[in-house]
Protein backbone atom coordinates (compact mmCIF):
# COMPACT_ATOMS: atom_id res chain seq x y z
CA MET A 1 27.38 -8.85 -71.46
CA GLU A 2 30.81 -8.38 -70.08
CA LYS A 3 31.98 -9.67 -66.74
CA LYS A 4 32.57 -6.12 -65.47
CA ASP A 5 28.99 -5.06 -66.32
CA LEU A 6 27.64 -8.16 -64.62
CA PHE A 7 29.78 -7.49 -61.55
CA ASP A 8 28.61 -3.83 -61.46
CA GLN A 9 24.96 -4.93 -61.66
CA ILE A 10 25.45 -7.43 -58.82
CA THR A 11 27.17 -4.75 -56.73
CA GLU A 12 24.29 -2.32 -57.41
CA VAL A 13 21.67 -4.93 -56.48
CA THR A 14 23.63 -5.71 -53.29
CA HIS A 15 23.70 -2.01 -52.31
CA ASN A 16 19.98 -1.71 -53.05
CA ALA A 17 19.31 -4.78 -50.91
CA GLU A 18 21.39 -3.32 -48.07
CA ASP A 19 19.53 0.00 -48.32
CA LEU A 20 16.22 -1.86 -48.29
CA LEU A 21 17.36 -3.88 -45.26
CA ASN A 22 18.37 -0.69 -43.42
CA LYS A 23 14.96 0.86 -44.17
CA LEU A 24 13.30 -2.33 -42.95
CA HIS A 25 15.27 -2.16 -39.66
CA GLU A 26 14.31 1.52 -39.22
CA THR A 27 10.67 0.70 -39.88
CA GLN A 28 10.84 -2.20 -37.45
CA SER A 29 12.35 0.03 -34.74
CA ALA A 30 9.64 2.64 -35.29
CA MET A 31 6.99 -0.08 -35.07
CA VAL A 32 8.45 -1.33 -31.77
CA GLU A 33 8.34 2.22 -30.36
CA ILE A 34 4.72 2.62 -31.48
CA MET A 35 3.75 -0.72 -29.93
CA GLU A 36 5.44 0.19 -26.63
CA GLU A 37 3.69 3.56 -26.58
CA ASN A 38 0.39 1.86 -27.38
CA ALA A 39 0.86 -0.58 -24.47
CA GLU A 40 1.66 2.30 -22.10
CA LEU A 41 -1.41 4.22 -23.27
CA LYS A 42 -3.62 1.15 -22.78
CA ILE A 43 -2.37 0.79 -19.20
CA GLU A 44 -2.86 4.51 -18.53
CA ASN A 45 -6.33 4.36 -20.06
CA GLN A 46 -7.25 1.42 -17.83
CA HIS A 47 -6.03 3.29 -14.73
CA LEU A 48 -8.02 6.37 -15.72
CA ARG A 49 -11.15 4.26 -16.23
CA GLU A 50 -10.70 2.75 -12.76
CA ARG A 51 -10.25 6.21 -11.21
CA LEU A 52 -13.33 7.47 -13.05
CA LYS A 53 -15.30 4.49 -11.81
CA GLN A 54 -14.15 5.16 -8.23
CA ALA A 55 -14.94 8.86 -8.50
CA THR A 56 -18.38 8.09 -9.91
CA ALA A 57 -19.05 5.58 -7.14
CA ALA A 58 -17.93 8.08 -4.49
CA GLU A 59 -20.17 10.73 -6.05
CA HIS A 60 -23.15 8.39 -5.88
CA GLU A 61 -22.37 7.59 -2.24
CA ASN A 62 -22.27 11.30 -1.40
CA GLU A 63 -25.61 12.02 -3.06
CA GLY A 64 -27.43 10.90 0.07
CA THR A 65 -25.56 13.44 2.18
CA LYS A 66 -25.83 16.35 -0.20
CA ASN A 67 -27.94 19.30 0.75
CA THR A 68 -31.25 19.58 -1.03
CA LYS A 69 -34.19 21.97 -0.64
CA HIS A 70 -33.06 25.41 0.62
CA GLY A 71 -29.61 23.96 1.27
CA LEU A 72 -30.97 21.61 3.93
CA SER A 73 -29.96 18.02 4.39
CA LYS A 74 -32.68 15.39 4.63
CA SER A 75 -32.42 15.26 8.41
CA LEU A 76 -32.89 19.03 8.67
CA GLN A 77 -35.81 18.79 6.26
CA ASN A 78 -37.41 16.24 8.59
CA LEU A 79 -36.91 18.61 11.53
CA GLU A 80 -38.41 21.40 9.43
CA LYS A 81 -41.49 19.24 8.80
CA LEU A 82 -41.85 18.54 12.53
CA TYR A 83 -41.53 22.27 13.23
CA ALA A 84 -44.15 23.03 10.55
CA SER A 85 -46.43 20.45 12.19
CA GLY A 86 -46.40 22.57 15.32
CA TYR A 87 -43.75 20.94 17.50
CA HIS A 88 -40.58 22.34 19.01
CA ILE A 89 -37.33 20.80 17.80
CA CYS A 90 -34.96 22.90 19.89
CA ASN A 91 -33.07 21.64 22.93
CA GLU A 92 -35.13 23.79 25.30
CA PHE A 93 -38.62 22.56 24.40
CA PHE A 94 -38.08 19.51 22.19
CA GLY A 95 -41.28 17.62 21.42
CA LYS A 96 -43.59 20.16 23.08
CA HIS A 97 -46.44 21.54 21.03
CA ARG A 98 -46.02 25.16 19.90
CA GLN A 99 -49.01 27.21 20.97
CA ASP A 100 -50.77 29.09 18.16
CA ASP A 101 -47.91 28.20 15.78
CA GLU A 102 -45.65 30.72 17.51
CA GLU A 103 -42.17 31.21 16.10
CA CYS A 104 -39.29 29.82 18.16
CA ALA A 105 -35.87 31.37 17.60
CA PHE A 106 -34.16 28.30 19.08
CA CYS A 107 -35.95 25.94 16.66
CA LEU A 108 -35.19 28.18 13.70
CA THR A 109 -31.52 28.21 14.71
CA VAL A 110 -31.49 24.41 14.79
CA ILE A 111 -33.01 24.20 11.30
CA TYR A 112 -31.35 27.08 9.49
CA GLY A 113 -28.31 27.70 11.69
CA ASP A 114 -25.70 30.05 10.24
CA ARG A 115 -26.93 29.94 6.65
């Protein structure tokens, strides 16, 4: 083998090594970007989980105040039961017994209001 051929082969191997090194640097840069994005997504995911947990907790807290049967809250349902038992629940006659289960417009307004 001649010296020129040997020198040409060494030059070619050197260029190939440089190309490989450049590709390695590009791959490394891409990997760094992916890792940074992954870290950001993990943080965002954690924040979203915390917000979901808070929203779920707030929803469970509000379940006690939600309207139930016929759109009535539990307190209005209790007043409805008292009214059905034969007692006035209105401001005018509160606690007095309704005679012959007569209807009272004031009591009905207290229970059902502007529904």
